[in-house]
Amino acid sequence: MSTSSSSKLQTTDGKLAGGLQQGQANLPALMILGKTYTAADAVVVLQQRIAKRLASTSARAAWQAAMTAEAEETANTKAFVAALVQQIRVWFANAPDSLAAYGLLPKKKSGRSPVTKVLATAKGLQTRKLRHTMGKVQKEGIKGVIPATISIQAPAGSTQVETAPVVAAGSAVSASNGASPQLSAGPAVSASNGASPQAPAANGSAPHTPNGTP
C-alpha cells in the first residue's frame, strides 16, 4: 500500500472512531455481517486497524533507513575489501585449496604469453596498414575532387552526338548593360551516319567533306 493511501485510511478510520466514541451512548446496536456490535466494539476494531497501520509505517521507515545505511557502508568499504582480496590472492597464488577456504578461486591464466601478445598486436597494426584500414577521423579527411576535364563515352548505335559548350580554362566572362554574363565557347561538333564530325569553317560556310557532298 502506498504512503498516500495509508494516510487516507488512517484519517478515515480516525474520524469513524471519533464519531462513534462521541455518540456511543445514544447509538443502537450495530448488525454488521451477521454479527451484533455495540458502538464501543466498532471503535475497538477501528483502533486496532489504526495501530497496525502505524506499526507498519514505522517498520517501513526503519527498513528504508537500514537499506540506506547498508548501501553507504558497502560503498565506503568497497576499496578495502578489494585490496584485502588482492592480498589474499598474492599470499596463496599457488595454493588453490587455501584460496577456496576464503571463498576465492584462482585467476584464470591466459593462454598467450606476453611475447605472443606483443607479436599479435604488431601483426594487427601491419595488417591495417596494408589494407589501408582507416578510422572515422581519417575517412572524414578524404574528399573527392572533380577533374578539370570530364569525358563522356557515346553509347553504341547513337546517330548524333552534340557536345555542350565547353568553357576553356581562363576564358573571360563578360557582361554589359545588365545582361547575363556570356561564356565564350568552342563550336558545336556533330556527327551523323557514322561520318567524322566536321567543324564549321572560319567564314561560316558549310564544312568540307571528303566525297565533295555538301
Protein backbone atom coordinates (compact mmCIF):
# COMPACT_ATOMS: atom_id res chain seq x y z
CA MET A 1 0.00 0.00 0.00
CA SER A 2 1.35 3.42 -0.92
CA THR A 3 2.05 6.04 1.72
CA SER A 4 -0.72 8.31 0.46
CA SER A 5 -3.32 5.51 0.58
CA SER A 6 -2.26 4.52 4.07
CA SER A 7 -2.52 8.12 5.23
CA LYS A 8 -6.03 8.46 3.81
CA LEU A 9 -7.16 5.27 5.56
CA GLN A 10 -5.72 6.48 8.83
CA THR A 11 -7.69 9.70 8.53
CA THR A 12 -10.91 7.89 7.60
CA ASP A 13 -10.62 5.31 10.40
CA GLY A 14 -9.74 8.00 12.92
CA LYS A 15 -12.82 10.06 12.08
CA LEU A 16 -15.10 6.99 12.25
CA ALA A 17 -13.72 6.02 15.64
CA GLY A 18 -14.03 9.57 16.93
CA GLY A 19 -17.65 9.87 15.81
CA LEU A 20 -18.61 6.55 17.39
CA GLN A 21 -16.95 7.49 20.66
CA GLN A 22 -18.86 10.75 20.86
CA GLY A 23 -22.26 9.24 20.12
CA GLN A 24 -21.90 5.72 21.51
CA ALA A 25 -24.22 6.45 24.43
CA ASN A 26 -27.10 7.23 22.10
CA LEU A 27 -26.37 4.79 19.26
CA PRO A 28 -28.23 1.48 18.96
CA ALA A 29 -26.54 -1.89 18.44
CA LEU A 30 -25.00 -2.42 15.01
CA MET A 31 -25.70 -5.51 12.88
CA ILE A 32 -22.63 -5.97 10.73
CA LEU A 33 -22.00 -9.08 8.61
CA GLY A 34 -24.48 -11.10 10.63
CA LYS A 35 -22.98 -10.17 13.97
CA THR A 36 -24.12 -7.64 16.57
CA TYR A 37 -21.70 -4.90 17.66
CA THR A 38 -22.04 -2.03 20.06
CA ALA A 39 -20.54 1.35 19.17
CA ALA A 40 -17.71 0.62 21.60
CA ASP A 41 -16.97 -2.69 19.82
CA ALA A 42 -16.74 -0.90 16.47
CA VAL A 43 -14.36 1.63 17.98
CA VAL A 44 -12.06 -1.19 19.12
CA VAL A 45 -11.94 -2.66 15.61
CA LEU A 46 -11.07 0.71 14.12
CA GLN A 47 -8.41 1.39 16.74
CA GLN A 48 -6.75 -1.95 16.00
CA ARG A 49 -6.60 -1.08 12.30
CA ILE A 50 -5.03 2.26 13.14
CA ALA A 51 -2.46 0.70 15.50
CA LYS A 52 -1.36 -1.97 13.00
CA ARG A 53 -1.04 0.59 10.26
CA LEU A 54 1.11 2.82 12.44
CA ALA A 55 3.36 -0.12 13.27
CA SER A 56 3.68 -0.94 9.56
CA THR A 57 4.59 2.64 8.74
CA SER A 58 7.26 2.69 11.42
CA ALA A 59 8.67 -0.63 10.24
CA ARG A 60 8.78 0.61 6.64
CA ALA A 61 10.65 3.74 7.67
CA ALA A 62 13.12 1.66 9.68
CA TRP A 63 13.63 -0.70 6.73
CA GLN A 64 14.31 2.19 4.38
CA ALA A 65 16.80 3.65 6.81
CA ALA A 66 18.51 0.26 7.15
CA MET A 67 18.75 -0.12 3.36
CA THR A 68 20.29 3.32 3.04
CA ALA A 69 22.83 2.55 5.76
CA GLU A 70 23.72 -0.74 4.08
CA ALA A 71 24.33 0.90 0.70
CA GLU A 72 26.52 3.59 2.25
CA GLU A 73 28.57 1.06 4.20
CA THR A 74 29.10 -1.11 1.12
CA ALA A 75 30.28 1.88 -0.90
CA ASN A 76 32.62 3.11 1.86
CA THR A 77 34.31 -0.28 2.32
CA LYS A 78 34.43 -1.41 -1.33
CA ALA A 79 38.07 -0.36 -1.86
CA PHE A 80 39.14 -2.00 1.40
CA VAL A 81 37.57 -5.36 0.53
CA ALA A 82 39.05 -5.29 -2.98
CA ALA A 83 42.54 -4.69 -1.56
CA LEU A 84 42.01 -7.44 1.02
CA VAL A 85 41.03 -9.96 -1.66
CA GLN A 86 44.04 -8.97 -3.76
CA GLN A 87 46.38 -9.52 -0.82
CA ILE A 88 44.94 -12.98 -0.11
CA ARG A 89 45.38 -13.90 -3.77
CA VAL A 90 49.04 -12.90 -3.55
CA TRP A 91 49.56 -14.99 -0.42
CA PHE A 92 48.01 -18.11 -1.88
CA ALA A 93 48.62 -17.62 -5.61
CA ASN A 94 49.92 -21.19 -5.93
CA ALA A 95 47.58 -22.79 -3.41
CA PRO A 96 44.04 -23.17 -4.83
CA ASP A 97 42.91 -25.15 -1.79
CA SER A 98 43.85 -22.31 0.53
CA LEU A 99 42.05 -19.80 -1.67
CA ALA A 100 38.94 -21.96 -1.53
CA ALA A 101 38.91 -21.59 2.26
CA TYR A 102 38.36 -17.85 1.69
CA GLY A 103 35.67 -18.44 -0.94
CA LEU A 104 38.05 -17.44 -3.75
CA LEU A 105 39.00 -19.16 -6.98
CA PRO A 106 42.40 -18.86 -8.66
CA LYS A 107 42.54 -16.46 -11.56
CA LYS A 108 42.34 -17.99 -14.99
CA LYS A 109 45.67 -17.98 -16.76
CA SER A 110 45.83 -16.52 -20.24
CA GLY A 111 46.70 -18.98 -22.99
CA ARG A 112 49.08 -16.49 -24.61
CA SER A 113 52.47 -15.40 -23.33
CA PRO A 114 53.47 -11.72 -23.20
CA VAL A 115 55.67 -12.20 -26.27
CA THR A 116 52.75 -13.70 -28.21
CA LYS A 117 50.53 -10.76 -27.28
CA VAL A 118 53.14 -8.24 -28.48
CA LEU A 119 53.56 -10.09 -31.78
CA ALA A 120 49.79 -10.25 -32.29
CA THR A 121 49.48 -6.51 -31.73
CA ALA A 122 52.28 -5.75 -34.19
CA LYS A 123 50.72 -8.06 -36.78
CA GLY A 124 47.34 -6.38 -36.41
CA LEU A 125 48.85 -2.91 -36.95
CA GLN A 126 50.72 -4.08 -40.03
CA THR A 127 47.56 -5.66 -41.44
CA ARG A 128 45.64 -2.39 -41.01
CA LYS A 129 48.41 -0.56 -42.84
CA LEU A 130 48.47 -2.97 -45.79
CA ARG A 131 44.68 -2.97 -46.11
CA HIS A 132 44.55 0.82 -45.78
CA THR A 133 42.15 0.46 -42.89
CA MET A 134 41.20 3.90 -41.68
CA GLY A 135 39.40 5.17 -38.66
CA LYS A 136 36.42 7.52 -38.64
CA VAL A 137 38.53 10.69 -38.39
CA GLN A 138 40.82 9.59 -41.23
CA LYS A 139 37.88 8.83 -43.50
CA GLU A 140 36.37 12.28 -42.91
CA GLY A 141 39.59 13.88 -44.17
CA ILE A 142 39.26 12.25 -47.61
CA LYS A 143 37.11 14.14 -50.14
CA GLY A 144 36.58 13.54 -53.88
CA VAL A 145 37.95 16.11 -56.38
CA ILE A 146 36.24 16.88 -59.71
CA PRO A 147 38.79 16.64 -62.59
CA ALA A 148 39.35 19.58 -64.96
CA THR A 149 38.13 17.52 -67.95
CA ILE A 150 35.28 15.00 -67.99
CA SER A 151 34.97 12.56 -70.93
CA ILE A 152 31.62 11.00 -71.82
CA GLN A 153 31.53 7.87 -73.96
CA ALA A 154 28.70 7.88 -76.54
CA PRO A 155 26.55 4.74 -76.39
CA ALA A 156 26.81 2.26 -79.27
CA GLY A 157 24.35 2.83 -82.15
CA SER A 158 23.81 6.51 -81.48
CA THR A 159 23.29 8.58 -84.70
CA GLN A 160 24.16 12.03 -83.44
CA VAL A 161 26.29 13.39 -80.69
CA GLU A 162 26.17 17.00 -79.63
CA THR A 163 28.70 18.48 -77.32
CA ALA A 164 27.68 21.13 -74.83
CA PRO A 165 29.64 24.37 -74.89
CA VAL A 166 32.91 23.99 -73.08
CA VAL A 167 34.49 26.86 -71.23
CA ALA A 168 38.21 26.89 -71.80
CA ALA A 169 40.48 27.40 -68.84
CA GLY A 170 40.97 31.09 -68.26
CA SER A 171 38.11 32.13 -70.60
CA ALA A 172 36.82 35.60 -69.94
CA VAL A 173 33.28 36.16 -68.72
CA SER A 174 31.78 39.47 -69.83
CA ALA A 175 28.53 41.26 -69.11
CA SER A 176 27.26 44.64 -70.21
CA ASN A 177 24.17 46.78 -69.72
CA GLY A 178 22.86 44.42 -67.03
CA ALA A 179 22.73 41.45 -69.45
CA SER A 180 23.52 37.97 -68.23
CA PRO A 181 27.22 37.07 -68.38
CA GLN A 182 28.14 35.19 -71.58
CA LEU A 183 30.68 32.41 -71.64
CA SER A 184 32.98 32.01 -74.63
CA ALA A 185 32.67 28.53 -76.03
CA GLY A 186 34.04 26.48 -78.90
CA PRO A 187 31.83 25.48 -81.85
CA ALA A 188 29.41 22.59 -81.51
CA VAL A 189 30.56 19.41 -83.22
CA SER A 190 28.06 16.91 -84.62
CA ALA A 191 28.33 13.63 -86.43
CA SER A 192 25.69 11.51 -88.13
CA ASN A 193 25.54 8.25 -90.08
CA GLY A 194 28.99 7.28 -88.90
CA ALA A 195 30.73 10.23 -90.66
CA SER A 196 33.56 12.01 -88.93
CA PRO A 197 32.43 15.14 -87.14
CA GLN A 198 33.21 18.36 -89.05
CA ALA A 199 33.74 21.76 -87.56
CA PRO A 200 32.30 24.80 -89.40
CA ALA A 201 34.71 26.87 -91.49
CA ALA A 202 36.02 30.16 -90.19
CA ASN A 203 33.90 32.15 -92.72
CA GLY A 204 30.71 30.39 -91.70
CA SER A 205 30.46 28.26 -94.88
CA ALA A 206 29.49 24.62 -94.81
CA PRO A 207 32.25 22.25 -93.74
CA HIS A 208 34.21 20.43 -96.49
CA THR A 209 33.56 16.67 -96.74
CA PRO A 210 35.88 14.10 -98.33
CA ASN A 211 33.31 13.00 -101.01
CA GLY A 212 32.53 16.53 -102.06
CA THR A 213 28.94 16.44 -100.93
CA PRO A 214 27.71 19.49 -99.02
